[in-house]
Amino acid sequence: MQRTKKFLASRGAILALLALFACAGSSARAQEKSPALSSPNLTKASPGTPVAALRDLLSAACSQSEEGFAKFLTSRNAQSFAHLTAAARVALMKRLVLLDEPGKPSVTTNEAGRPTVRCEGPALATEMRIGGPVTEDNLAFLPLEIRNAADRSAVTNNNDDASPDAREIQIGLVHDSGGWKLLSVGLLLLDLPSLEIEWNRASMDQNERDAIRTLKEVAKAIETYRRTYTKLPGSLSNLGPPAKGASTSAAAGLVDAELAAGSKSGYTFRYVIVGASAVGAPARYALAATPLVYGTTGRRSFFVDENGFIHGADRQGALAGPSDPRVE
């Protein structure tokens, strides 16, 4: 029952993918004419057919093989796929098979020569049955039924009735550069150049939110360190975990190793002690975060003032300061 609930929830991911495709709003470029479209073997999973291409594409998506998946993208989409963040590339593949983790693909074929791709994940398996294609010129459209493999009331190789919990979508392929490439999901075109912009923007927004949260975490860790050792840490590394044994002032174990090294979630974090004087003025510190790669991992820079307020602005990758607007 729990697996079925997970599958039903994961089916909604395909709707998110379709919504992203809708944002693309771009028409497909003209592709080459295929000389093999008149072949009656197009309906079977013979080498070079649309059915075989979709079978292999789904298998690559199941195992989250970026190299294998890119082979079934048009040249334009393949270039944008390579430019996506690693997380975005994985997200695209896993949405096609409705599994969050890499799976092990296997293929069975019915008497009509039409394959079912099974994707066996650590906690859940899905099965994707590929129907016969409708072809016209250099295009092919294939029905794809996706279902929870645990649903034993679903179709068998000798039964064409759909599973009650199955979802059927139409996959479009185009003959390009000597092979069949992914063109559309449903009625919406796969336009990765447009999606690249949308996903990068979403990724940067998330990184900026994470940077703000991390600055708060570091500021809290610094104050904990001050109370514990009656001084400020000399660097972020003093807040990190000890290599072994108990925490000390050299490695207080207040933040993870990645953050102690100065970067996390696409941002670089800087910490310096300021304000101390020979006449006993209390030491203060400055804390800032800047995008690791401006325009790719983030746009805004952030600064924590002496009262603990966070300021932020688009500084083209340079440091923010207390004169910038407060972000919260």
C-alpha atoms as a PDB file:
ATOM      1  CA  MET A   1       0.000   0.000   0.000  1.00  0.00           C
ATOM      2  CA  GLN A   2       2.817   2.377   0.910  1.00  0.00           C
ATOM      3  CA  ARG A   3       4.521   1.742  -2.443  1.00  0.00           C
ATOM      4  CA  THR A   4       1.279   2.394  -4.276  1.00  0.00           C
ATOM      5  CA  LYS A   5       0.889   5.712  -2.449  1.00  0.00           C
ATOM      6  CA  LYS A   6       4.426   6.668  -3.423  1.00  0.00           C
ATOM      7  CA  PHE A   7       3.704   5.825  -7.053  1.00  0.00           C
ATOM      8  CA  LEU A   8       0.477   7.797  -7.107  1.00  0.00           C
ATOM      9  CA  ALA A   9       2.284  10.762  -5.608  1.00  0.00           C
ATOM     10  CA  SER A  10       5.159  10.460  -8.058  1.00  0.00           C
ATOM     11  CA  ARG A  11       2.793  10.443 -11.024  1.00  0.00           C
ATOM     12  CA  GLY A  12       2.192  14.097 -10.305  1.00  0.00           C
ATOM     13  CA  ALA A  13       5.825  14.737 -11.241  1.00  0.00           C
ATOM     14  CA  ILE A  14       4.949  14.211 -14.899  1.00  0.00           C
ATOM     15  CA  LEU A  15       2.518  17.113 -14.622  1.00  0.00           C
ATOM     16  CA  ALA A  16       5.351  19.306 -13.372  1.00  0.00           C
ATOM     17  CA  LEU A  17       7.370  18.248 -16.395  1.00  0.00           C
ATOM     18  CA  LEU A  18       4.509  19.087 -18.727  1.00  0.00           C
ATOM     19  CA  ALA A  19       4.101  22.472 -17.086  1.00  0.00           C
ATOM     20  CA  LEU A  20       7.760  23.172 -17.712  1.00  0.00           C
ATOM     21  CA  PHE A  21       7.337  22.164 -21.345  1.00  0.00           C
ATOM     22  CA  ALA A  22       4.433  24.583 -21.612  1.00  0.00           C
ATOM     23  CA  CYS A  23       6.749  27.407 -20.589  1.00  0.00           C
ATOM     24  CA  ALA A  24       8.977  26.629 -23.529  1.00  0.00           C
ATOM     25  CA  GLY A  25       6.511  28.000 -26.075  1.00  0.00           C
ATOM     26  CA  SER A  26       8.885  27.236 -28.916  1.00  0.00           C
ATOM     27  CA  SER A  27       8.354  25.482 -32.229  1.00  0.00           C
ATOM     28  CA  ALA A  28      10.577  22.595 -33.324  1.00  0.00           C
ATOM     29  CA  ARG A  29      13.129  23.245 -36.008  1.00  0.00           C
ATOM     30  CA  ALA A  30      12.808  21.418 -39.292  1.00  0.00           C
ATOM     31  CA  GLN A  31      14.448  18.012 -39.096  1.00  0.00           C
ATOM     32  CA  GLU A  32      15.720  15.624 -41.738  1.00  0.00           C
ATOM     33  CA  LYS A  33      13.504  13.310 -43.753  1.00  0.00           C
ATOM     34  CA  SER A  34      13.800   9.655 -42.814  1.00  0.00           C
ATOM     35  CA  PRO A  35      14.072   7.149 -45.668  1.00  0.00           C
ATOM     36  CA  ALA A  36      12.834   4.279 -43.481  1.00  0.00           C
ATOM     37  CA  LEU A  37       9.400   5.527 -42.526  1.00  0.00           C
ATOM     38  CA  SER A  38       7.590   3.310 -44.995  1.00  0.00           C
ATOM     39  CA  SER A  39       8.960   0.159 -43.383  1.00  0.00           C
ATOM     40  CA  PRO A  40       6.308  -2.061 -41.727  1.00  0.00           C
ATOM     41  CA  ASN A  41       8.884  -2.958 -39.033  1.00  0.00           C
ATOM     42  CA  LEU A  42       8.504   0.520 -37.517  1.00  0.00           C
ATOM     43  CA  THR A  43       5.841  -0.865 -35.190  1.00  0.00           C
ATOM     44  CA  LYS A  44       8.345  -3.315 -33.673  1.00  0.00           C
ATOM     45  CA  ALA A  45      11.451  -2.791 -31.564  1.00  0.00           C
ATOM     46  CA  SER A  46      13.790  -3.475 -34.479  1.00  0.00           C
ATOM     47  CA  PRO A  47      17.062  -1.508 -34.536  1.00  0.00           C
ATOM     48  CA  GLY A  48      16.614   2.000 -35.893  1.00  0.00           C
ATOM     49  CA  THR A  49      12.861   2.162 -35.254  1.00  0.00           C
ATOM     50  CA  PRO A  50      10.974   4.681 -33.087  1.00  0.00           C
ATOM     51  CA  VAL A  51       9.960   1.877 -30.707  1.00  0.00           C
ATOM     52  CA  ALA A  52      13.577   0.834 -30.172  1.00  0.00           C
ATOM     53  CA  ALA A  53      14.640   4.447 -29.673  1.00  0.00           C
ATOM     54  CA  LEU A  54      11.992   5.073 -27.011  1.00  0.00           C
ATOM     55  CA  ARG A  55      12.852   1.771 -25.320  1.00  0.00           C
ATOM     56  CA  ASP A  56      16.525   2.718 -25.087  1.00  0.00           C
ATOM     57  CA  LEU A  57      15.735   6.286 -24.038  1.00  0.00           C
ATOM     58  CA  LEU A  58      13.590   5.055 -21.141  1.00  0.00           C
ATOM     59  CA  SER A  59      16.272   2.552 -20.129  1.00  0.00           C
ATOM     60  CA  ALA A  60      18.849   5.366 -20.003  1.00  0.00           C
ATOM     61  CA  ALA A  61      16.464   7.545 -17.994  1.00  0.00           C
ATOM     62  CA  CYS A  62      15.870   4.656 -15.570  1.00  0.00           C
ATOM     63  CA  SER A  63      19.577   4.205 -14.846  1.00  0.00           C
ATOM     64  CA  GLN A  64      20.082   7.990 -14.966  1.00  0.00           C
ATOM     65  CA  SER A  65      22.744   7.576 -17.653  1.00  0.00           C
ATOM     66  CA  GLU A  66      23.327  11.111 -18.903  1.00  0.00           C
ATOM     67  CA  GLU A  67      25.433   9.953 -21.834  1.00  0.00           C
ATOM     68  CA  GLY A  68      22.866   7.365 -22.924  1.00  0.00           C
ATOM     69  CA  PHE A  69      19.958   9.777 -22.511  1.00  0.00           C
ATOM     70  CA  ALA A  70      21.663  12.565 -24.493  1.00  0.00           C
ATOM     71  CA  LYS A  71      21.936  10.253 -27.525  1.00  0.00           C
ATOM     72  CA  PHE A  72      18.160  10.555 -27.955  1.00  0.00           C
ATOM     73  CA  LEU A  73      18.021  14.352 -27.832  1.00  0.00           C
ATOM     74  CA  THR A  74      18.131  16.606 -30.868  1.00  0.00           C
ATOM     75  CA  SER A  75      21.420  18.429 -31.392  1.00  0.00           C
ATOM     76  CA  ARG A  76      20.004  21.668 -29.998  1.00  0.00           C
ATOM     77  CA  ASN A  77      18.506  19.989 -26.954  1.00  0.00           C
ATOM     78  CA  ALA A  78      21.642  17.911 -26.349  1.00  0.00           C
ATOM     79  CA  GLN A  79      23.725  21.093 -26.127  1.00  0.00           C
ATOM     80  CA  SER A  80      21.373  22.609 -23.566  1.00  0.00           C
ATOM     81  CA  PHE A  81      21.190  19.324 -21.644  1.00  0.00           C
ATOM     82  CA  ALA A  82      24.972  19.452 -21.217  1.00  0.00           C
ATOM     83  CA  HIS A  83      24.696  22.997 -19.843  1.00  0.00           C
ATOM     84  CA  LEU A  84      22.064  22.151 -17.243  1.00  0.00           C
ATOM     85  CA  THR A  85      23.119  21.652 -13.667  1.00  0.00           C
ATOM     86  CA  ALA A  86      23.682  18.040 -12.659  1.00  0.00           C
ATOM     87  CA  ALA A  87      20.542  18.185 -10.518  1.00  0.00           C
ATOM     88  CA  ALA A  88      18.458  19.461 -13.440  1.00  0.00           C
ATOM     89  CA  ARG A  89      19.736  16.733 -15.771  1.00  0.00           C
ATOM     90  CA  VAL A  90      18.822  14.062 -13.242  1.00  0.00           C
ATOM     91  CA  ALA A  91      15.439  15.704 -12.615  1.00  0.00           C
ATOM     92  CA  LEU A  92      14.557  15.505 -16.316  1.00  0.00           C
ATOM     93  CA  MET A  93      15.408  11.825 -16.544  1.00  0.00           C
ATOM     94  CA  LYS A  94      13.715  10.707 -13.348  1.00  0.00           C
ATOM     95  CA  ARG A  95      10.484  12.501 -14.250  1.00  0.00           C
ATOM     96  CA  LEU A  96      10.172  10.350 -17.364  1.00  0.00           C
ATOM     97  CA  VAL A  97      10.257   7.128 -15.338  1.00  0.00           C
ATOM     98  CA  LEU A  98       8.618   8.530 -12.167  1.00  0.00           C
ATOM     99  CA  LEU A  99      11.366   7.319  -9.828  1.00  0.00           C
ATOM    100  CA  ASP A 100      13.535   9.464  -7.565  1.00  0.00           C
ATOM    101  CA  GLU A 101      16.563   7.175  -7.464  1.00  0.00           C
ATOM    102  CA  PRO A 102      18.515   5.392 -10.222  1.00  0.00           C
ATOM    103  CA  GLY A 103      16.995   2.060 -11.166  1.00  0.00           C
ATOM    104  CA  LYS A 104      17.944  -1.086 -13.011  1.00  0.00           C
ATOM    105  CA  PRO A 105      16.209  -1.320 -16.411  1.00  0.00           C
ATOM    106  CA  SER A 106      15.028  -4.554 -17.991  1.00  0.00           C
ATOM    107  CA  VAL A 107      12.946  -5.154 -21.112  1.00  0.00           C
ATOM    108  CA  THR A 108      10.334  -7.744 -22.051  1.00  0.00           C
ATOM    109  CA  THR A 109       8.626  -7.956 -25.441  1.00  0.00           C
ATOM    110  CA  ASN A 110       5.132  -9.167 -26.251  1.00  0.00           C
ATOM    111  CA  GLU A 111       4.069 -11.233 -29.261  1.00  0.00           C
ATOM    112  CA  ALA A 112       3.505  -8.087 -31.317  1.00  0.00           C
ATOM    113  CA  GLY A 113       7.125  -7.096 -30.782  1.00  0.00           C
ATOM    114  CA  ARG A 114       6.290  -4.177 -28.495  1.00  0.00           C
ATOM    115  CA  PRO A 115       8.473  -3.754 -25.427  1.00  0.00           C
ATOM    116  CA  THR A 116       7.750  -3.048 -21.785  1.00  0.00           C
ATOM    117  CA  VAL A 117      10.569  -1.346 -19.922  1.00  0.00           C
ATOM    118  CA  ARG A 118      10.727  -2.172 -16.221  1.00  0.00           C
ATOM    119  CA  CYS A 119      12.651   0.234 -13.992  1.00  0.00           C
ATOM    120  CA  GLU A 120      13.518  -1.400 -10.679  1.00  0.00           C
ATOM    121  CA  GLY A 121      14.386   1.205  -8.046  1.00  0.00           C
ATOM    122  CA  PRO A 122      15.525   0.618  -4.456  1.00  0.00           C
ATOM    123  CA  ALA A 123      12.022   1.090  -3.051  1.00  0.00           C
ATOM    124  CA  LEU A 124       9.692   1.111  -6.052  1.00  0.00           C
ATOM    125  CA  ALA A 125       9.475  -0.216  -9.601  1.00  0.00           C
ATOM    126  CA  THR A 126       7.625   1.180 -12.574  1.00  0.00           C
ATOM    127  CA  GLU A 127       6.740  -0.446 -15.873  1.00  0.00           C
ATOM    128  CA  MET A 128       6.393   1.460 -19.138  1.00  0.00           C
ATOM    129  CA  ARG A 129       4.611  -0.232 -22.008  1.00  0.00           C
ATOM    130  CA  ILE A 130       5.283   1.212 -25.450  1.00  0.00           C
ATOM    131  CA  GLY A 131       2.467   1.066 -27.983  1.00  0.00           C
ATOM    132  CA  GLY A 132       2.586   1.045 -31.760  1.00  0.00           C
ATOM    133  CA  PRO A 133       3.711   4.316 -33.373  1.00  0.00           C
ATOM    134  CA  VAL A 134       1.787   6.573 -35.703  1.00  0.00           C
ATOM    135  CA  THR A 135       4.252   7.956 -38.249  1.00  0.00           C
ATOM    136  CA  GLU A 136       4.038  10.834 -40.686  1.00  0.00           C
ATOM    137  CA  ASP A 137       6.954  12.229 -42.667  1.00  0.00           C
ATOM    138  CA  ASN A 138       9.874  12.371 -40.209  1.00  0.00           C
ATOM    139  CA  LEU A 139       7.717  12.214 -37.063  1.00  0.00           C
ATOM    140  CA  ALA A 140       6.529   9.336 -34.909  1.00  0.00           C
ATOM    141  CA  PHE A 141       4.077   9.416 -32.008  1.00  0.00           C
ATOM    142  CA  LEU A 142       3.945   6.520 -29.578  1.00  0.00           C
ATOM    143  CA  PRO A 143       1.527   5.864 -26.700  1.00  0.00           C
ATOM    144  CA  LEU A 144       3.339   5.131 -23.452  1.00  0.00           C
ATOM    145  CA  GLU A 145       1.595   3.556 -20.478  1.00  0.00           C
ATOM    146  CA  ILE A 146       3.358   4.040 -17.127  1.00  0.00           C
ATOM    147  CA  ARG A 147       2.250   2.085 -14.092  1.00  0.00           C
ATOM    148  CA  ASN A 148       3.383   0.836 -10.705  1.00  0.00           C
ATOM    149  CA  ALA A 149       4.982  -2.566 -11.271  1.00  0.00           C
ATOM    150  CA  ALA A 150       3.463  -3.783  -7.997  1.00  0.00           C
ATOM    151  CA  ASP A 151      -0.039  -3.434  -9.480  1.00  0.00           C
ATOM    152  CA  ARG A 152      -0.712  -7.018 -10.472  1.00  0.00           C
ATOM    153  CA  SER A 153      -4.157  -6.101 -11.860  1.00  0.00           C
ATOM    154  CA  ALA A 154      -2.380  -4.265 -14.657  1.00  0.00           C
ATOM    155  CA  VAL A 155      -1.935  -5.430 -18.194  1.00  0.00           C
ATOM    156  CA  THR A 156      -0.088  -8.535 -19.210  1.00  0.00           C
ATOM    157  CA  ASN A 157       1.560  -9.140 -22.547  1.00  0.00           C
ATOM    158  CA  ASN A 158      -1.614 -10.731 -23.828  1.00  0.00           C
ATOM    159  CA  ASN A 159      -4.052  -8.160 -22.516  1.00  0.00           C
ATOM    160  CA  ASP A 160      -4.497  -4.695 -24.026  1.00  0.00           C
ATOM    161  CA  ASP A 161      -6.641  -3.332 -21.199  1.00  0.00           C
ATOM    162  CA  ALA A 162      -4.995  -0.542 -19.238  1.00  0.00           C
ATOM    163  CA  SER A 163      -4.229  -0.799 -15.563  1.00  0.00           C
ATOM    164  CA  PRO A 164      -6.618   1.220 -13.359  1.00  0.00           C
ATOM    165  CA  ASP A 165      -3.691   3.194 -11.924  1.00  0.00           C
ATOM    166  CA  ALA A 166      -1.771   3.521 -15.190  1.00  0.00           C
ATOM    167  CA  ARG A 167      -1.140   6.849 -16.875  1.00  0.00           C
ATOM    168  CA  GLU A 168      -0.912   7.012 -20.644  1.00  0.00           C
ATOM    169  CA  ILE A 169       0.936   9.807 -22.396  1.00  0.00           C
ATOM    170  CA  GLN A 170       1.918  10.378 -25.994  1.00  0.00           C
ATOM    171  CA  ILE A 171       5.648  10.575 -26.779  1.00  0.00           C
ATOM    172  CA  GLY A 172       6.755  12.356 -29.949  1.00  0.00           C
ATOM    173  CA  LEU A 173       9.994  11.491 -31.749  1.00  0.00           C
ATOM    174  CA  VAL A 174      11.638  13.156 -34.745  1.00  0.00           C
ATOM    175  CA  HIS A 175      14.163  11.645 -37.147  1.00  0.00           C
ATOM    176  CA  ASP A 176      17.266  13.805 -36.801  1.00  0.00           C
ATOM    177  CA  SER A 177      20.978  13.225 -37.450  1.00  0.00           C
ATOM    178  CA  GLY A 178      20.403   9.635 -38.488  1.00  0.00           C
ATOM    179  CA  GLY A 179      18.268   8.541 -35.568  1.00  0.00           C
ATOM    180  CA  TRP A 180      15.059   9.041 -33.614  1.00  0.00           C
ATOM    181  CA  LYS A 181      15.183  11.820 -31.025  1.00  0.00           C
ATOM    182  CA  LEU A 182      12.803  12.936 -28.296  1.00  0.00           C
ATOM    183  CA  LEU A 183      10.550  15.738 -29.540  1.00  0.00           C
ATOM    184  CA  SER A 184       7.598  16.016 -27.189  1.00  0.00           C
ATOM    185  CA  VAL A 185       5.763  14.684 -24.163  1.00  0.00           C
ATOM    186  CA  GLY A 186       2.030  14.871 -24.669  1.00  0.00           C
ATOM    187  CA  LEU A 187       1.287  17.726 -27.053  1.00  0.00           C
ATOM    188  CA  LEU A 188       4.062  19.926 -25.697  1.00  0.00           C
ATOM    189  CA  LEU A 189       7.463  20.331 -27.273  1.00  0.00           C
ATOM    190  CA  LEU A 190      10.688  19.539 -25.448  1.00  0.00           C
ATOM    191  CA  ASP A 191      12.642  22.778 -25.807  1.00  0.00           C
ATOM    192  CA  LEU A 192      15.616  22.477 -23.459  1.00  0.00           C
ATOM    193  CA  PRO A 193      17.150  25.879 -24.341  1.00  0.00           C
ATOM    194  CA  SER A 194      14.043  27.522 -22.902  1.00  0.00           C
ATOM    195  CA  LEU A 195      13.854  25.064 -20.021  1.00  0.00           C
ATOM    196  CA  GLU A 196      17.527  25.669 -19.281  1.00  0.00           C
ATOM    197  CA  ILE A 197      16.718  29.318 -18.575  1.00  0.00           C
ATOM    198  CA  GLU A 198      13.739  28.403 -16.394  1.00  0.00           C
ATOM    199  CA  TRP A 199      15.598  25.713 -14.454  1.00  0.00           C
ATOM    200  CA  ASN A 200      18.710  27.847 -13.957  1.00  0.00           C
ATOM    201  CA  ARG A 201      16.545  30.666 -12.619  1.00  0.00           C
ATOM    202  CA  ALA A 202      14.786  28.261 -10.261  1.00  0.00           C
ATOM    203  CA  SER A 203      18.138  26.804  -9.180  1.00  0.00           C
ATOM    204  CA  MET A 204      19.561  30.265  -8.470  1.00  0.00           C
ATOM    205  CA  ASP A 205      16.482  31.240  -6.467  1.00  0.00           C
ATOM    206  CA  GLN A 206      16.853  28.099  -4.364  1.00  0.00           C
ATOM    207  CA  ASN A 207      20.581  28.703  -3.874  1.00  0.00           C
ATOM    208  CA  GLU A 208      19.869  32.234  -2.678  1.00  0.00           C
ATOM    209  CA  ARG A 209      17.329  30.975  -0.157  1.00  0.00           C
ATOM    210  CA  ASP A 210      19.837  28.370   0.992  1.00  0.00           C
ATOM    211  CA  ALA A 211      22.552  31.037   1.337  1.00  0.00           C
ATOM    212  CA  ILE A 212      20.344  33.126   3.616  1.00  0.00           C
ATOM    213  CA  ARG A 213      19.549  30.085   5.740  1.00  0.00           C
ATOM    214  CA  THR A 214      23.246  29.129   5.869  1.00  0.00           C
ATOM    215  CA  LEU A 215      24.268  32.624   6.979  1.00  0.00           C
ATOM    216  CA  LYS A 216      21.866  32.299   9.898  1.00  0.00           C
ATOM    217  CA  GLU A 217      23.323  28.901  10.705  1.00  0.00           C
ATOM    218  CA  VAL A 218      26.885  30.282  10.675  1.00  0.00           C
ATOM    219  CA  ALA A 219      25.946  33.316  12.778  1.00  0.00           C
ATOM    220  CA  LYS A 220      24.341  31.040  15.357  1.00  0.00           C
ATOM    221  CA  ALA A 221      27.399  28.771  15.346  1.00  0.00           C
ATOM    222  CA  ILE A 222      29.714  31.745  15.881  1.00  0.00           C
ATOM    223  CA  GLU A 223      27.740  32.892  18.914  1.00  0.00           C
ATOM    224  CA  THR A 224      27.728  29.363  20.320  1.00  0.00           C
ATOM    225  CA  TYR A 225      31.483  29.211  19.816  1.00  0.00           C
ATOM    226  CA  ARG A 226      31.929  32.602  21.553  1.00  0.00           C
ATOM    227  CA  ARG A 227      29.938  31.455  24.577  1.00  0.00           C
ATOM    228  CA  THR A 228      31.772  28.151  24.776  1.00  0.00           C
ATOM    229  CA  TYR A 229      35.348  29.352  24.294  1.00  0.00           C
ATOM    230  CA  THR A 230      34.961  33.056  25.348  1.00  0.00           C
ATOM    231  CA  LYS A 231      36.376  34.261  22.048  1.00  0.00           C
ATOM    232  CA  LEU A 232      35.485  34.403  18.374  1.00  0.00           C
ATOM    233  CA  PRO A 233      36.633  31.629  16.030  1.00  0.00           C
ATOM    234  CA  GLY A 234      39.655  32.579  13.981  1.00  0.00           C
ATOM    235  CA  SER A 235      38.098  31.226  10.782  1.00  0.00           C
ATOM    236  CA  LEU A 236      35.194  29.165   9.534  1.00  0.00           C
ATOM    237  CA  SER A 237      37.363  26.067   9.768  1.00  0.00           C
ATOM    238  CA  ASN A 238      37.285  26.392  13.577  1.00  0.00           C
ATOM    239  CA  LEU A 239      33.535  25.753  13.389  1.00  0.00           C
ATOM    240  CA  GLY A 240      33.923  22.495  11.498  1.00  0.00           C
ATOM    241  CA  PRO A 241      33.936  18.928  12.795  1.00  0.00           C
ATOM    242  CA  PRO A 242      37.079  17.469  14.395  1.00  0.00           C
ATOM    243  CA  ALA A 243      39.007  14.876  12.418  1.00  0.00           C
ATOM    244  CA  LYS A 244      38.668  12.588  15.399  1.00  0.00           C
ATOM    245  CA  GLY A 245      37.876  12.774  19.063  1.00  0.00           C
ATOM    246  CA  ALA A 246      36.000  15.455  20.979  1.00  0.00           C
ATOM    247  CA  SER A 247      35.287  18.987  19.816  1.00  0.00           C
ATOM    248  CA  THR A 248      37.868  21.659  20.592  1.00  0.00           C
ATOM    249  CA  SER A 249      38.339  25.347  19.888  1.00  0.00           C
ATOM    250  CA  ALA A 250      40.222  24.326  16.724  1.00  0.00           C
ATOM    251  CA  ALA A 251      37.311  22.222  15.472  1.00  0.00           C
ATOM    252  CA  ALA A 252      34.138  22.887  17.415  1.00  0.00           C
ATOM    253  CA  GLY A 253      31.823  20.652  15.383  1.00  0.00           C
ATOM    254  CA  LEU A 254      29.190  23.359  14.918  1.00  0.00           C
ATOM    255  CA  VAL A 255      28.855  23.221  11.097  1.00  0.00           C
ATOM    256  CA  ASP A 256      29.503  20.541   8.493  1.00  0.00           C
ATOM    257  CA  ALA A 257      32.858  20.088   6.756  1.00  0.00           C
ATOM    258  CA  GLU A 258      31.683  21.583   3.447  1.00  0.00           C
ATOM    259  CA  LEU A 259      30.593  24.833   5.082  1.00  0.00           C
ATOM    260  CA  ALA A 260      33.703  24.945   7.271  1.00  0.00           C
ATOM    261  CA  ALA A 261      35.727  24.879   4.024  1.00  0.00           C
ATOM    262  CA  GLY A 262      33.940  28.052   2.905  1.00  0.00           C
ATOM    263  CA  SER A 263      31.341  27.082   0.328  1.00  0.00           C
ATOM    264  CA  LYS A 264      27.942  25.436   0.101  1.00  0.00           C
ATOM    265  CA  SER A 265      24.985  25.241  -2.320  1.00  0.00           C
ATOM    266  CA  GLY A 266      26.589  27.439  -4.972  1.00  0.00           C
ATOM    267  CA  TYR A 267      27.808  30.167  -2.595  1.00  0.00           C
ATOM    268  CA  THR A 268      31.145  31.147  -1.061  1.00  0.00           C
ATOM    269  CA  PHE A 269      31.080  32.284   2.570  1.00  0.00           C
ATOM    270  CA  ARG A 270      33.529  34.795   4.055  1.00  0.00           C
ATOM    271  CA  TYR A 271      34.138  35.475   7.714  1.00  0.00           C
ATOM    272  CA  VAL A 272      36.542  38.008   9.285  1.00  0.00           C
ATOM    273  CA  ILE A 273      36.982  39.450  12.781  1.00  0.00           C
ATOM    274  CA  VAL A 274      36.638  43.253  12.962  1.00  0.00           C
ATOM    275  CA  GLY A 275      36.272  45.918  15.649  1.00  0.00           C
ATOM    276  CA  ALA A 276      38.638  44.684  18.347  1.00  0.00           C
ATOM    277  CA  SER A 277      41.026  47.281  19.790  1.00  0.00           C
ATOM    278  CA  ALA A 278      43.914  47.570  22.233  1.00  0.00           C
ATOM    279  CA  VAL A 279      41.750  49.529  24.696  1.00  0.00           C
ATOM    280  CA  GLY A 280      39.330  46.667  25.152  1.00  0.00           C
ATOM    281  CA  ALA A 281      36.634  47.252  22.542  1.00  0.00           C
ATOM    282  CA  PRO A 282      34.788  43.927  22.044  1.00  0.00           C
ATOM    283  CA  ALA A 283      35.587  41.993  18.919  1.00  0.00           C
ATOM    284  CA  ARG A 284      32.969  41.860  16.216  1.00  0.00           C
ATOM    285  CA  TYR A 285      32.837  39.989  12.979  1.00  0.00           C
ATOM    286  CA  ALA A 286      31.701  40.395   9.374  1.00  0.00           C
ATOM    287  CA  LEU A 287      29.970  37.583   7.558  1.00  0.00           C
ATOM    288  CA  ALA A 288      29.158  37.561   3.829  1.00  0.00           C
ATOM    289  CA  ALA A 289      28.115  35.245   1.016  1.00  0.00           C
ATOM    290  CA  THR A 290      28.695  35.656  -2.731  1.00  0.00           C
ATOM    291  CA  PRO A 291      27.694  33.410  -5.673  1.00  0.00           C
ATOM    292  CA  LEU A 292      30.322  30.836  -6.519  1.00  0.00           C
ATOM    293  CA  VAL A 293      29.644  31.526 -10.222  1.00  0.00           C
ATOM    294  CA  TYR A 294      27.713  34.745 -10.717  1.00  0.00           C
ATOM    295  CA  GLY A 295      24.682  34.316 -12.963  1.00  0.00           C
ATOM    296  CA  THR A 296      24.835  30.530 -12.737  1.00  0.00           C
ATOM    297  CA  THR A 297      24.724  29.584  -9.059  1.00  0.00           C
ATOM    298  CA  GLY A 298      23.179  32.852  -7.892  1.00  0.00           C
ATOM    299  CA  ARG A 299      22.858  36.585  -8.485  1.00  0.00           C
ATOM    300  CA  ARG A 300      22.488  38.286  -5.129  1.00  0.00           C
ATOM    301  CA  SER A 301      25.278  38.759  -2.608  1.00  0.00           C
ATOM    302  CA  PHE A 302      24.502  38.822   1.139  1.00  0.00           C
ATOM    303  CA  PHE A 303      25.951  40.453   4.245  1.00  0.00           C
ATOM    304  CA  VAL A 304      25.204  40.017   7.972  1.00  0.00           C
ATOM    305  CA  ASP A 305      25.428  43.286   9.927  1.00  0.00           C
ATOM    306  CA  GLU A 306      26.493  43.702  13.565  1.00  0.00           C
ATOM    307  CA  ASN A 307      22.879  43.364  14.727  1.00  0.00           C
ATOM    308  CA  GLY A 308      22.426  40.058  12.930  1.00  0.00           C
ATOM    309  CA  PHE A 309      20.277  41.439  10.082  1.00  0.00           C
ATOM    310  CA  ILE A 310      20.899  40.102   6.578  1.00  0.00           C
ATOM    311  CA  HIS A 311      21.264  42.515   3.666  1.00  0.00           C
ATOM    312  CA  GLY A 312      21.346  41.511   0.020  1.00  0.00           C
ATOM    313  CA  ALA A 313      21.619  42.906  -3.488  1.00  0.00           C
ATOM    314  CA  ASP A 314      22.771  42.013  -6.994  1.00  0.00           C
ATOM    315  CA  ARG A 315      26.412  43.127  -6.831  1.00  0.00           C
ATOM    316  CA  GLN A 316      27.531  41.332  -9.994  1.00  0.00           C
ATOM    317  CA  GLY A 317      29.333  38.843  -7.791  1.00  0.00           C
ATOM    318  CA  ALA A 318      31.015  41.409  -5.516  1.00  0.00           C
ATOM    319  CA  LEU A 319      30.501  41.646  -1.757  1.00  0.00           C
ATOM    320  CA  ALA A 320      27.283  43.086  -0.340  1.00  0.00           C
ATOM    321  CA  GLY A 321      27.325  45.493   2.602  1.00  0.00           C
ATOM    322  CA  PRO A 322      25.232  47.011   5.405  1.00  0.00           C
ATOM    323  CA  SER A 323      23.920  49.729   3.077  1.00  0.00           C
ATOM    324  CA  ASP A 324      22.171  47.153   0.876  1.00  0.00           C
ATOM    325  CA  PRO A 325      18.468  46.408   1.478  1.00  0.00           C
ATOM    326  CA  ARG A 326      17.543  43.995   4.229  1.00  0.00           C
ATOM    327  CA  VAL A 327      16.254  40.762   2.805  1.00  0.00           C
ATOM    328  CA  GLU A 328      14.198  39.739   5.831  1.00  0.00           C
END
